[in-house]
Amino acid sequence: VLQQLGDLSKELKLDILSSNPIAEEKSPLALVGGTPKYEKKRIAIDMRCTYENLGAYLARVANLPTFFSVEDMIVENKSGSMPLLDVRVVLGFFVTA
């Protein structure tokens, strides 16, 4: 999964500043017979990109074989270097346990 996201960011020429997993959480919806069948994972990705590249990235993430949800997103212009923006995206996804 991380490889897919990394390849996608390289293809779209995004400047990925960091990508860090967020602590796991157990989902009660993922329980089958009392045993977790799936585990929810989350990853925070910090990047610098334009609005156009951000939109292209999220559209391509939506078309990956793994189902992702955008759980949080912050878009700022910290450096004042428009059109580049500072973006933090938190993506959630499930993997088999």
C-alpha atoms as a PDB file:
ATOM      1  CA  VAL A   1       0.000   0.000   0.000  1.00  0.00           C
ATOM      2  CA  LEU A   2       2.765   2.425   0.939  1.00  0.00           C
ATOM      3  CA  GLN A   3       4.610   1.547  -2.249  1.00  0.00           C
ATOM      4  CA  GLN A   4       1.495   2.402  -4.310  1.00  0.00           C
ATOM      5  CA  LEU A   5       1.188   5.803  -2.618  1.00  0.00           C
ATOM      6  CA  GLY A   6       4.904   6.492  -3.069  1.00  0.00           C
ATOM      7  CA  ASP A   7       4.876   5.527  -6.742  1.00  0.00           C
ATOM      8  CA  LEU A   8       1.845   7.714  -7.320  1.00  0.00           C
ATOM      9  CA  SER A   9       3.462  10.740  -5.687  1.00  0.00           C
ATOM     10  CA  LYS A  10       6.604  10.297  -7.801  1.00  0.00           C
ATOM     11  CA  GLU A  11       4.553   9.973 -10.973  1.00  0.00           C
ATOM     12  CA  LEU A  12       2.716  13.232 -10.203  1.00  0.00           C
ATOM     13  CA  LYS A  13       5.969  14.931  -9.076  1.00  0.00           C
ATOM     14  CA  LEU A  14       4.707  15.765  -5.601  1.00  0.00           C
ATOM     15  CA  ASP A  15       7.213  16.883  -2.992  1.00  0.00           C
ATOM     16  CA  ILE A  16       6.549  14.421  -0.151  1.00  0.00           C
ATOM     17  CA  LEU A  17       8.039  15.855   3.037  1.00  0.00           C
ATOM     18  CA  SER A  18       7.098  12.916   5.274  1.00  0.00           C
ATOM     19  CA  SER A  19       4.768   9.938   5.524  1.00  0.00           C
ATOM     20  CA  ASN A  20       4.153   8.413   8.918  1.00  0.00           C
ATOM     21  CA  PRO A  21       1.848   5.666  10.122  1.00  0.00           C
ATOM     22  CA  ILE A  22      -0.621   6.646  12.830  1.00  0.00           C
ATOM     23  CA  ALA A  23      -1.280   4.294  15.759  1.00  0.00           C
ATOM     24  CA  GLU A  24      -3.573   1.392  14.866  1.00  0.00           C
ATOM     25  CA  GLU A  25      -7.138   1.215  16.039  1.00  0.00           C
ATOM     26  CA  LYS A  26      -9.300  -1.882  16.230  1.00  0.00           C
ATOM     27  CA  SER A  27     -12.646  -1.533  14.492  1.00  0.00           C
ATOM     28  CA  PRO A  28     -15.639  -3.419  15.934  1.00  0.00           C
ATOM     29  CA  LEU A  29     -17.006  -3.664  12.387  1.00  0.00           C
ATOM     30  CA  ALA A  30     -13.992  -5.745  11.460  1.00  0.00           C
ATOM     31  CA  LEU A  31     -14.736  -8.521  13.943  1.00  0.00           C
ATOM     32  CA  VAL A  32     -15.801 -11.879  12.575  1.00  0.00           C
ATOM     33  CA  GLY A  33     -16.606 -14.462  15.243  1.00  0.00           C
ATOM     34  CA  GLY A  34     -14.805 -12.363  17.874  1.00  0.00           C
ATOM     35  CA  THR A  35     -11.540 -12.338  15.905  1.00  0.00           C
ATOM     36  CA  PRO A  36     -10.390  -9.294  13.962  1.00  0.00           C
ATOM     37  CA  LYS A  37     -10.537 -10.031  10.244  1.00  0.00           C
ATOM     38  CA  TYR A  38      -9.372  -6.580   9.192  1.00  0.00           C
ATOM     39  CA  GLU A  39      -7.226  -3.947  10.805  1.00  0.00           C
ATOM     40  CA  LYS A  40      -7.644  -0.254  10.170  1.00  0.00           C
ATOM     41  CA  LYS A  41      -4.442   1.575   9.323  1.00  0.00           C
ATOM     42  CA  ARG A  42      -3.870   5.282   8.902  1.00  0.00           C
ATOM     43  CA  ILE A  43      -1.030   7.215   7.377  1.00  0.00           C
ATOM     44  CA  ALA A  44      -0.277  10.944   7.553  1.00  0.00           C
ATOM     45  CA  ILE A  45       1.357  12.390   4.442  1.00  0.00           C
ATOM     46  CA  ASP A  46       2.912  15.860   4.439  1.00  0.00           C
ATOM     47  CA  MET A  47       3.582  17.338   1.010  1.00  0.00           C
ATOM     48  CA  ARG A  48       4.139  20.519  -0.978  1.00  0.00           C
ATOM     49  CA  CYS A  49       2.138  20.759  -4.158  1.00  0.00           C
ATOM     50  CA  THR A  50      -0.268  22.876  -6.177  1.00  0.00           C
ATOM     51  CA  TYR A  51      -4.049  22.605  -5.918  1.00  0.00           C
ATOM     52  CA  GLU A  52      -3.998  20.981  -9.332  1.00  0.00           C
ATOM     53  CA  ASN A  53      -1.520  18.283  -8.267  1.00  0.00           C
ATOM     54  CA  LEU A  54      -3.366  17.700  -4.987  1.00  0.00           C
ATOM     55  CA  GLY A  55      -6.616  17.126  -6.880  1.00  0.00           C
ATOM     56  CA  ALA A  56      -4.880  14.772  -9.319  1.00  0.00           C
ATOM     57  CA  TYR A  57      -3.283  12.854  -6.425  1.00  0.00           C
ATOM     58  CA  LEU A  58      -6.571  12.376  -4.560  1.00  0.00           C
ATOM     59  CA  ALA A  59      -8.352  11.339  -7.772  1.00  0.00           C
ATOM     60  CA  ARG A  60      -5.663   8.730  -8.454  1.00  0.00           C
ATOM     61  CA  VAL A  61      -5.729   7.494  -4.831  1.00  0.00           C
ATOM     62  CA  ALA A  62      -9.486   6.968  -5.251  1.00  0.00           C
ATOM     63  CA  ASN A  63      -8.774   4.667  -8.221  1.00  0.00           C
ATOM     64  CA  LEU A  64      -6.180   2.470  -6.491  1.00  0.00           C
ATOM     65  CA  PRO A  65      -7.182  -1.156  -5.786  1.00  0.00           C
ATOM     66  CA  THR A  66      -7.133  -0.494  -2.017  1.00  0.00           C
ATOM     67  CA  PHE A  67     -10.072   1.489  -0.606  1.00  0.00           C
ATOM     68  CA  PHE A  68      -8.833   4.706   1.027  1.00  0.00           C
ATOM     69  CA  SER A  69     -10.752   7.320   2.976  1.00  0.00           C
ATOM     70  CA  VAL A  70      -9.531  10.869   3.505  1.00  0.00           C
ATOM     71  CA  GLU A  71      -9.882  11.232   7.267  1.00  0.00           C
ATOM     72  CA  ASP A  72      -8.293  14.648   7.636  1.00  0.00           C
ATOM     73  CA  MET A  73      -6.738  17.261   5.388  1.00  0.00           C
ATOM     74  CA  ILE A  74      -5.071  20.586   6.123  1.00  0.00           C
ATOM     75  CA  VAL A  75      -4.103  22.919   3.274  1.00  0.00           C
ATOM     76  CA  GLU A  76      -1.997  25.967   4.140  1.00  0.00           C
ATOM     77  CA  ASN A  77       0.290  28.464   2.495  1.00  0.00           C
ATOM     78  CA  LYS A  78       2.899  28.613   5.271  1.00  0.00           C
ATOM     79  CA  SER A  79       5.820  29.618   3.107  1.00  0.00           C
ATOM     80  CA  GLY A  80       3.937  32.224   1.050  1.00  0.00           C
ATOM     81  CA  SER A  81       5.194  30.616  -2.148  1.00  0.00           C
ATOM     82  CA  MET A  82       1.985  30.307  -4.139  1.00  0.00           C
ATOM     83  CA  PRO A  83       1.067  28.253  -6.091  1.00  0.00           C
ATOM     84  CA  LEU A  84       2.829  25.679  -3.875  1.00  0.00           C
ATOM     85  CA  LEU A  85       0.853  24.736  -0.771  1.00  0.00           C
ATOM     86  CA  ASP A  86       1.713  22.867   2.404  1.00  0.00           C
ATOM     87  CA  VAL A  87      -0.670  19.920   2.680  1.00  0.00           C
ATOM     88  CA  ARG A  88      -1.222  17.257   5.327  1.00  0.00           C
ATOM     89  CA  VAL A  89      -3.504  14.377   4.322  1.00  0.00           C
ATOM     90  CA  VAL A  90      -4.481  11.539   6.642  1.00  0.00           C
ATOM     91  CA  LEU A  91      -5.588   8.455   4.713  1.00  0.00           C
ATOM     92  CA  GLY A  92      -7.361   5.499   6.310  1.00  0.00           C
ATOM     93  CA  PHE A  93      -7.478   1.981   4.875  1.00  0.00           C
ATOM     94  CA  PHE A  94      -8.073  -1.611   5.942  1.00  0.00           C
ATOM     95  CA  VAL A  95      -5.741  -4.584   5.654  1.00  0.00           C
ATOM     96  CA  THR A  96      -6.396  -8.229   6.425  1.00  0.00           C
ATOM     97  CA  ALA A  97      -5.348  -9.237   9.925  1.00  0.00           C
END
